[in-house]
Amino acid sequence: MKNKIALLAMTFLGSLLFAGEALAQDVAPGVGIDVAGNGGLGAGLAAGLAVVGAGIGIGFIGGKSNEAVARQPEMAGRVFINMILTAALVEGVALFAIVVGLTKFPY
């Protein structure tokens, strides 16, 4: 539960940093508030969270598939196919999240 709360907090922080880029366009020059540099930090945070989430998910998939094969070795072929398919879908979502995060990079 603590890991989920920490992940939610980091995601919220990343969204706030993306909002900082939008706020930077509304601030008049010379006001003294510099939030323009936070867009890159938010993009890096979003891409990093996507990679960490995908790594955790694929780790769970691999571990559970090993347990399934240990229980029923005759189903190893079907378990392997399902494992690869699920891991590919998780990796696809992670790649999409990385691309979306990095398109917000201001430079």
Protein backbone atom coordinates (compact mmCIF):
# COMPACT_ATOMS: atom_id res chain seq x y z
CA MET A 1 0.00 0.00 0.00
CA LYS A 2 2.87 2.36 0.80
CA ASN A 3 4.35 1.80 -2.66
CA LYS A 4 1.05 2.70 -4.31
CA ILE A 5 0.79 5.89 -2.28
CA ALA A 6 4.37 6.85 -3.16
CA LEU A 7 3.74 6.14 -6.85
CA LEU A 8 0.56 8.23 -6.77
CA ALA A 9 2.39 11.09 -5.07
CA MET A 10 5.20 10.99 -7.64
CA THR A 11 2.68 10.97 -10.49
CA PHE A 12 0.90 13.95 -8.96
CA LEU A 13 4.22 15.77 -8.65
CA GLY A 14 4.97 15.06 -12.31
CA SER A 15 1.62 16.46 -13.38
CA LEU A 16 2.26 19.59 -11.33
CA LEU A 17 5.60 20.04 -13.06
CA PHE A 18 3.89 19.76 -16.46
CA ALA A 19 1.44 22.41 -15.31
CA GLY A 20 4.42 24.64 -14.46
CA GLU A 21 5.24 24.87 -18.16
CA ALA A 22 1.72 26.08 -18.95
CA LEU A 23 1.88 28.59 -16.09
CA ALA A 24 5.17 29.96 -17.40
CA GLN A 25 3.42 31.16 -20.54
CA ASP A 26 0.90 33.16 -18.49
CA VAL A 27 3.41 34.92 -16.23
CA ALA A 28 4.47 38.36 -17.41
CA PRO A 29 8.20 38.83 -17.93
CA GLY A 30 9.96 40.51 -15.05
CA VAL A 31 7.63 39.20 -12.36
CA GLY A 32 10.38 37.06 -10.88
CA ILE A 33 8.63 33.68 -11.03
CA ASP A 34 10.63 31.17 -13.03
CA VAL A 35 8.71 27.93 -13.62
CA ALA A 36 9.67 27.45 -17.26
CA GLY A 37 12.36 24.88 -16.48
CA ASN A 38 10.01 22.45 -14.75
CA GLY A 39 8.57 20.98 -17.95
CA GLY A 40 11.73 19.01 -18.63
CA LEU A 41 11.83 17.73 -15.08
CA GLY A 42 8.22 16.60 -15.36
CA ALA A 43 8.90 14.89 -18.68
CA GLY A 44 11.83 13.01 -17.21
CA LEU A 45 9.78 12.05 -14.18
CA ALA A 46 6.91 10.78 -16.33
CA ALA A 47 9.24 8.75 -18.54
CA GLY A 48 11.05 7.33 -15.51
CA LEU A 49 7.81 6.33 -13.81
CA ALA A 50 6.69 4.60 -16.99
CA VAL A 51 9.88 2.56 -17.13
CA VAL A 52 9.74 1.68 -13.43
CA GLY A 53 6.08 0.66 -13.68
CA ALA A 54 6.74 -1.51 -16.72
CA GLY A 55 9.70 -3.16 -15.02
CA ILE A 56 7.64 -4.00 -11.96
CA GLY A 57 4.79 -5.32 -14.09
CA ILE A 58 6.99 -7.50 -16.28
CA GLY A 59 8.74 -8.79 -13.15
CA PHE A 60 5.41 -9.88 -11.69
CA ILE A 61 4.43 -11.49 -15.00
CA GLY A 62 7.68 -13.46 -15.16
CA GLY A 63 7.51 -14.55 -11.53
CA LYS A 64 3.92 -15.72 -11.72
CA SER A 65 4.53 -17.56 -14.98
CA ASN A 66 7.45 -19.41 -13.36
CA GLU A 67 5.17 -20.39 -10.47
CA ALA A 68 2.52 -21.58 -12.92
CA VAL A 69 5.01 -23.72 -14.84
CA ALA A 70 6.34 -25.16 -11.58
CA ARG A 71 2.82 -26.22 -10.62
CA GLN A 72 1.83 -27.60 -14.03
CA PRO A 73 4.85 -28.30 -16.23
CA GLU A 74 2.67 -29.68 -19.04
CA MET A 75 1.17 -26.20 -19.55
CA ALA A 76 4.56 -24.53 -20.04
CA GLY A 77 3.95 -23.74 -23.72
CA ARG A 78 0.63 -22.01 -23.18
CA VAL A 79 1.90 -20.14 -20.11
CA PHE A 80 4.93 -18.94 -22.08
CA ILE A 81 2.78 -17.64 -24.94
CA ASN A 82 0.47 -15.79 -22.54
CA MET A 83 3.46 -14.40 -20.65
CA ILE A 84 5.09 -13.02 -23.79
CA LEU A 85 1.82 -11.52 -25.03
CA THR A 86 1.11 -9.81 -21.71
CA ALA A 87 4.70 -8.55 -21.36
CA ALA A 88 4.51 -7.09 -24.89
CA LEU A 89 1.30 -5.25 -24.02
CA VAL A 90 2.82 -3.85 -20.82
CA GLU A 91 5.92 -2.75 -22.73
CA GLY A 92 3.75 -1.09 -25.38
CA VAL A 93 1.90 0.95 -22.78
CA ALA A 94 5.21 1.94 -21.19
CA LEU A 95 6.62 3.02 -24.53
CA PHE A 96 3.52 5.10 -25.20
CA ALA A 97 3.89 6.76 -21.78
CA ILE A 98 7.55 7.53 -22.46
CA VAL A 99 6.73 9.10 -25.83
CA VAL A 100 3.94 11.21 -24.33
CA GLY A 101 6.22 12.29 -21.48
CA LEU A 102 9.08 13.24 -23.76
CA THR A 103 6.90 15.16 -26.22
CA LYS A 104 6.25 17.59 -23.39
CA PHE A 105 9.99 18.23 -23.10
CA PRO A 106 10.32 21.96 -23.84
CA TYR A 107 13.68 21.88 -25.62
